C-alpha atoms as a PDB file:
ATOM      1  CA  MET A   1     -23.978 -54.823  43.711  1.00  0.00           C
ATOM      2  CA  TYR A   2     -26.474 -53.894  41.055  1.00  0.00           C
ATOM      3  CA  THR A   3     -29.849 -55.500  40.413  1.00  0.00           C
ATOM      4  CA  LYS A   4     -30.653 -56.717  36.907  1.00  0.00           C
ATOM      5  CA  ALA A   5     -32.990 -53.748  36.499  1.00  0.00           C
ATOM      6  CA  GLU A   6     -30.244 -51.298  37.498  1.00  0.00           C
ATOM      7  CA  LEU A   7     -27.748 -52.940  35.126  1.00  0.00           C
ATOM      8  CA  SER A   8     -30.267 -52.752  32.311  1.00  0.00           C
ATOM      9  CA  ARG A   9     -31.076 -49.110  33.046  1.00  0.00           C
ATOM     10  CA  ILE A  10     -27.402 -48.087  33.140  1.00  0.00           C
ATOM     11  CA  ARG A  11     -26.604 -49.892  29.879  1.00  0.00           C
ATOM     12  CA  LYS A  12     -29.670 -48.401  28.203  1.00  0.00           C
ATOM     13  CA  SER A  13     -28.626 -44.938  29.413  1.00  0.00           C
ATOM     14  CA  PHE A  14     -25.149 -45.443  27.978  1.00  0.00           C
ATOM     15  CA  TRP A  15     -26.434 -46.483  24.549  1.00  0.00           C
ATOM     16  CA  THR A  16     -28.935 -43.622  24.545  1.00  0.00           C
ATOM     17  CA  ALA A  17     -26.090 -41.204  25.321  1.00  0.00           C
ATOM     18  CA  PHE A  18     -23.914 -42.790  22.632  1.00  0.00           C
ATOM     19  CA  GLY A  19     -26.738 -42.495  20.100  1.00  0.00           C
ATOM     20  CA  ALA A  20     -27.320 -38.835  20.967  1.00  0.00           C
ATOM     21  CA  TYR A  21     -23.592 -38.153  20.641  1.00  0.00           C
ATOM     22  CA  MET A  22     -23.424 -39.874  17.223  1.00  0.00           C
ATOM     23  CA  ARG A  23     -26.766 -38.615  15.831  1.00  0.00           C
ATOM     24  CA  PRO A  24     -25.384 -35.526  14.040  1.00  0.00           C
ATOM     25  CA  ILE A  25     -22.687 -37.552  12.266  1.00  0.00           C
ATOM     26  CA  PRO A  26     -23.718 -38.702   8.775  1.00  0.00           C
ATOM     27  CA  ASN A  27     -22.575 -41.997   7.310  1.00  0.00           C
ATOM     28  CA  ALA A  28     -20.071 -42.276   4.448  1.00  0.00           C
ATOM     29  CA  GLN A  29     -22.854 -41.522   1.964  1.00  0.00           C
ATOM     30  CA  GLY A  30     -23.942 -38.412   3.868  1.00  0.00           C
ATOM     31  CA  ARG A  31     -27.117 -39.970   5.279  1.00  0.00           C
ATOM     32  CA  ARG A  32     -28.456 -40.214   8.825  1.00  0.00           C
ATOM     33  CA  VAL A  33     -27.834 -43.583  10.379  1.00  0.00           C
ATOM     34  CA  ASN A  34     -28.689 -45.320  13.633  1.00  0.00           C
ATOM     35  CA  TRP A  35     -25.108 -45.919  14.703  1.00  0.00           C
ATOM     36  CA  GLN A  36     -25.823 -48.136  17.696  1.00  0.00           C
ATOM     37  CA  ASN A  37     -27.998 -50.465  15.563  1.00  0.00           C
ATOM     38  CA  TYR A  38     -26.012 -50.182  12.338  1.00  0.00           C
ATOM     39  CA  LYS A  39     -27.474 -52.181   9.462  1.00  0.00           C
ATOM     40  CA  THR A  40     -24.888 -53.623   7.062  1.00  0.00           C
ATOM     41  CA  GLY A  41     -27.585 -54.586   4.577  1.00  0.00           C
ATOM     42  CA  VAL A  42     -26.046 -58.042   4.190  1.00  0.00           C
ATOM     43  CA  LYS A  43     -27.617 -60.967   5.977  1.00  0.00           C
ATOM     44  CA  GLU A  44     -25.341 -62.661   8.517  1.00  0.00           C
ATOM     45  CA  ILE A  45     -22.833 -59.767   8.667  1.00  0.00           C
ATOM     46  CA  TYR A  46     -23.192 -57.433  11.634  1.00  0.00           C
ATOM     47  CA  PHE A  47     -21.243 -54.601  13.171  1.00  0.00           C
ATOM     48  CA  ARG A  48     -21.403 -55.097  16.937  1.00  0.00           C
ATOM     49  CA  MET A  49     -20.413 -52.744  19.709  1.00  0.00           C
ATOM     50  CA  LYS A  50     -20.289 -53.824  23.333  1.00  0.00           C
ATOM     51  CA  ALA A  51     -19.733 -51.867  26.514  1.00  0.00           C
ATOM     52  CA  GLU A  52     -19.459 -54.096  29.559  1.00  0.00           C
ATOM     53  CA  ARG A  53     -17.783 -54.326  32.942  1.00  0.00           C
ATOM     54  CA  GLY A  54     -14.093 -54.544  32.163  1.00  0.00           C
ATOM     55  CA  PHE A  55     -14.062 -53.856  28.414  1.00  0.00           C
ATOM     56  CA  ALA A  56     -15.560 -52.202  25.368  1.00  0.00           C
ATOM     57  CA  SER A  57     -15.387 -53.738  21.910  1.00  0.00           C
ATOM     58  CA  ILE A  58     -16.360 -53.140  18.341  1.00  0.00           C
ATOM     59  CA  GLY A  59     -16.261 -55.616  15.527  1.00  0.00           C
ATOM     60  CA  ILE A  60     -17.585 -57.323  12.463  1.00  0.00           C
ATOM     61  CA  GLU A  61     -19.457 -60.543  13.216  1.00  0.00           C
ATOM     62  CA  ILE A  62     -20.144 -63.209  10.615  1.00  0.00           C
ATOM     63  CA  THR A  63     -22.969 -65.420  11.835  1.00  0.00           C
ATOM     64  CA  HIS A  64     -23.817 -67.675   8.877  1.00  0.00           C
ATOM     65  CA  ARG A  65     -24.980 -71.079  10.184  1.00  0.00           C
ATOM     66  CA  ASP A  66     -23.065 -72.896   7.452  1.00  0.00           C
ATOM     67  CA  GLU A  67     -19.515 -72.811   8.822  1.00  0.00           C
ATOM     68  CA  GLU A  68     -18.001 -73.220   5.351  1.00  0.00           C
ATOM     69  CA  LEU A  69     -19.847 -70.130   4.083  1.00  0.00           C
ATOM     70  CA  GLN A  70     -18.889 -68.332   7.287  1.00  0.00           C
ATOM     71  CA  GLU A  71     -15.260 -69.176   6.593  1.00  0.00           C
ATOM     72  CA  LEU A  72     -15.652 -67.981   2.989  1.00  0.00           C
ATOM     73  CA  PHE A  73     -16.923 -64.587   4.219  1.00  0.00           C
ATOM     74  CA  PHE A  74     -14.064 -64.473   6.752  1.00  0.00           C
ATOM     75  CA  GLU A  75     -11.513 -65.178   3.992  1.00  0.00           C
ATOM     76  CA  GLN A  76     -13.120 -62.516   1.827  1.00  0.00           C
ATOM     77  CA  PHE A  77     -12.665 -60.017   4.654  1.00  0.00           C
ATOM     78  CA  GLY A  78      -9.087 -61.270   4.956  1.00  0.00           C
ATOM     79  CA  GLN A  79      -8.460 -60.211   1.361  1.00  0.00           C
ATOM     80  CA  LEU A  80      -9.655 -56.735   2.383  1.00  0.00           C
ATOM     81  CA  ARG A  81      -7.557 -56.587   5.549  1.00  0.00           C
ATOM     82  CA  LYS A  82      -5.270 -53.816   4.322  1.00  0.00           C
ATOM     83  CA  ILE A  83      -8.268 -51.632   3.455  1.00  0.00           C
ATOM     84  CA  LEU A  84      -9.770 -52.237   6.909  1.00  0.00           C
ATOM     85  CA  GLU A  85      -6.488 -51.429   8.625  1.00  0.00           C
ATOM     86  CA  GLU A  86      -6.060 -48.284   6.519  1.00  0.00           C
ATOM     87  CA  SER A  87      -9.611 -47.205   7.388  1.00  0.00           C
ATOM     88  CA  THR A  88      -9.233 -47.851  11.124  1.00  0.00           C
ATOM     89  CA  LYS A  89      -5.519 -46.982  11.273  1.00  0.00           C
ATOM     90  CA  GLU A  90      -4.831 -50.072  13.403  1.00  0.00           C
ATOM     91  CA  ALA A  91      -4.703 -53.862  13.378  1.00  0.00           C
ATOM     92  CA  TRP A  92      -7.741 -55.782  14.650  1.00  0.00           C
ATOM     93  CA  GLU A  93      -8.049 -59.300  16.064  1.00  0.00           C
ATOM     94  CA  TRP A  94      -9.263 -61.983  13.631  1.00  0.00           C
ATOM     95  CA  LYS A  95     -11.122 -64.946  15.135  1.00  0.00           C
ATOM     96  CA  LEU A  96     -12.468 -67.766  12.974  1.00  0.00           C
ATOM     97  CA  HIS A  97     -15.174 -70.065  14.352  1.00  0.00           C
ATOM     98  CA  GLU A  98     -15.567 -69.067  17.993  1.00  0.00           C
ATOM     99  CA  GLN A  99     -18.585 -69.578  20.197  1.00  0.00           C
ATOM    100  CA  ASN A 100     -20.457 -66.460  21.233  1.00  0.00           C
ATOM    101  CA  GLU A 101     -22.296 -65.974  24.531  1.00  0.00           C
ATOM    102  CA  PHE A 102     -25.302 -67.859  23.098  1.00  0.00           C
ATOM    103  CA  GLY A 103     -23.273 -70.923  22.058  1.00  0.00           C
ATOM    104  CA  GLN A 104     -23.441 -70.093  18.335  1.00  0.00           C
ATOM    105  CA  VAL A 105     -20.344 -70.508  16.174  1.00  0.00           C
ATOM    106  CA  ILE A 106     -19.415 -67.141  14.707  1.00  0.00           C
ATOM    107  CA  SER A 107     -16.357 -65.510  13.220  1.00  0.00           C
ATOM    108  CA  LYS A 108     -15.345 -62.001  14.086  1.00  0.00           C
ATOM    109  CA  ILE A 109     -12.904 -59.246  13.430  1.00  0.00           C
ATOM    110  CA  GLU A 110     -12.736 -56.960  16.415  1.00  0.00           C
ATOM    111  CA  LYS A 111     -10.930 -54.384  18.480  1.00  0.00           C
ATOM    112  CA  VAL A 112     -11.194 -54.555  22.272  1.00  0.00           C
ATOM    113  CA  LYS A 113     -10.445 -51.877  24.848  1.00  0.00           C
ATOM    114  CA  PRO A 114      -9.852 -53.563  28.203  1.00  0.00           C
ATOM    115  CA  GLY A 115     -10.055 -51.806  31.537  1.00  0.00           C
ATOM    116  CA  VAL A 116     -13.212 -49.730  31.081  1.00  0.00           C
ATOM    117  CA  ASN A 117     -16.531 -50.200  32.839  1.00  0.00           C
ATOM    118  CA  VAL A 118     -19.845 -49.088  31.365  1.00  0.00           C
ATOM    119  CA  LEU A 119     -21.327 -49.080  34.874  1.00  0.00           C
ATOM    120  CA  ASN A 120     -19.046 -46.168  35.776  1.00  0.00           C
ATOM    121  CA  GLU A 121     -20.579 -43.111  34.115  1.00  0.00           C
ATOM    122  CA  GLU A 122     -17.280 -41.244  34.488  1.00  0.00           C
ATOM    123  CA  GLU A 123     -15.764 -43.713  31.996  1.00  0.00           C
ATOM    124  CA  TRP A 124     -18.431 -43.168  29.335  1.00  0.00           C
ATOM    125  CA  PRO A 125     -16.412 -40.463  27.521  1.00  0.00           C
ATOM    126  CA  GLU A 126     -13.474 -42.893  27.253  1.00  0.00           C
ATOM    127  CA  ILE A 127     -15.737 -45.666  25.928  1.00  0.00           C
ATOM    128  CA  ILE A 128     -17.424 -43.322  23.453  1.00  0.00           C
ATOM    129  CA  SER A 129     -14.011 -42.019  22.337  1.00  0.00           C
ATOM    130  CA  PHE A 130     -13.010 -45.619  21.665  1.00  0.00           C
ATOM    131  CA  LEU A 131     -16.177 -46.616  19.788  1.00  0.00           C
ATOM    132  CA  LYS A 132     -16.895 -43.438  17.789  1.00  0.00           C
ATOM    133  CA  PRO A 133     -13.888 -43.253  15.436  1.00  0.00           C
ATOM    134  CA  ARG A 134     -13.902 -47.006  14.860  1.00  0.00           C
ATOM    135  CA  MET A 135     -17.605 -47.096  14.004  1.00  0.00           C
ATOM    136  CA  ILE A 136     -17.161 -44.214  11.570  1.00  0.00           C
ATOM    137  CA  ALA A 137     -14.135 -45.979  10.049  1.00  0.00           C
ATOM    138  CA  LEU A 138     -16.091 -49.263   9.754  1.00  0.00           C
ATOM    139  CA  ASP A 139     -18.846 -47.399   7.930  1.00  0.00           C
ATOM    140  CA  GLU A 140     -16.322 -45.886   5.506  1.00  0.00           C
ATOM    141  CA  PHE A 141     -14.715 -49.301   4.996  1.00  0.00           C
ATOM    142  CA  TRP A 142     -18.117 -50.938   4.431  1.00  0.00           C
ATOM    143  CA  ASP A 143     -19.111 -48.255   1.919  1.00  0.00           C
ATOM    144  CA  LEU A 144     -16.087 -49.305  -0.158  1.00  0.00           C
ATOM    145  CA  VAL A 145     -16.361 -53.097   0.118  1.00  0.00           C
ATOM    146  CA  LYS A 146     -20.063 -53.896   0.567  1.00  0.00           C
ATOM    147  CA  PRO A 147     -20.736 -54.582  -3.143  1.00  0.00           C
ATOM    148  CA  GLY A 148     -18.424 -57.609  -2.951  1.00  0.00           C
ATOM    149  CA  PHE A 149     -20.651 -59.184  -0.281  1.00  0.00           C
ATOM    150  CA  GLU A 150     -24.069 -58.459  -1.792  1.00  0.00           C
ATOM    151  CA  ASP A 151     -24.108 -61.355  -4.237  1.00  0.00           C
ATOM    152  CA  TYR A 152     -24.308 -64.082  -1.565  1.00  0.00           C
END
């Protein structure tokens, strides 16, 4: 078993490695970007990546406290579903009003890769190969659709 400190160190090492791997890749506008802490520029919309024991995931999280506005954002993304699927070349899971690990109601659009473990360094290439193309595709998608979310 791992101590909390060991778990934290391993996860930090993974995200540092991921960041180093992604650093030379510019965003859709040709600029440098901090991929692991991607800023959408729109309050309450986040791109989240997770690498845990048993899975890796990437997704769009809508965290607006007003559940009606959260649902409005979710529906707006729904109208852009075809563009998202063309950008990522796959279907993602759509989840309206779920509780996150902190008990907050959020909505998310995500892709999950089960069966990988961030604590196993030998699996890091597989996790990075899962996250990298999807994060780049999300950035390209966001570059196209972001103006429609900036007026809120």
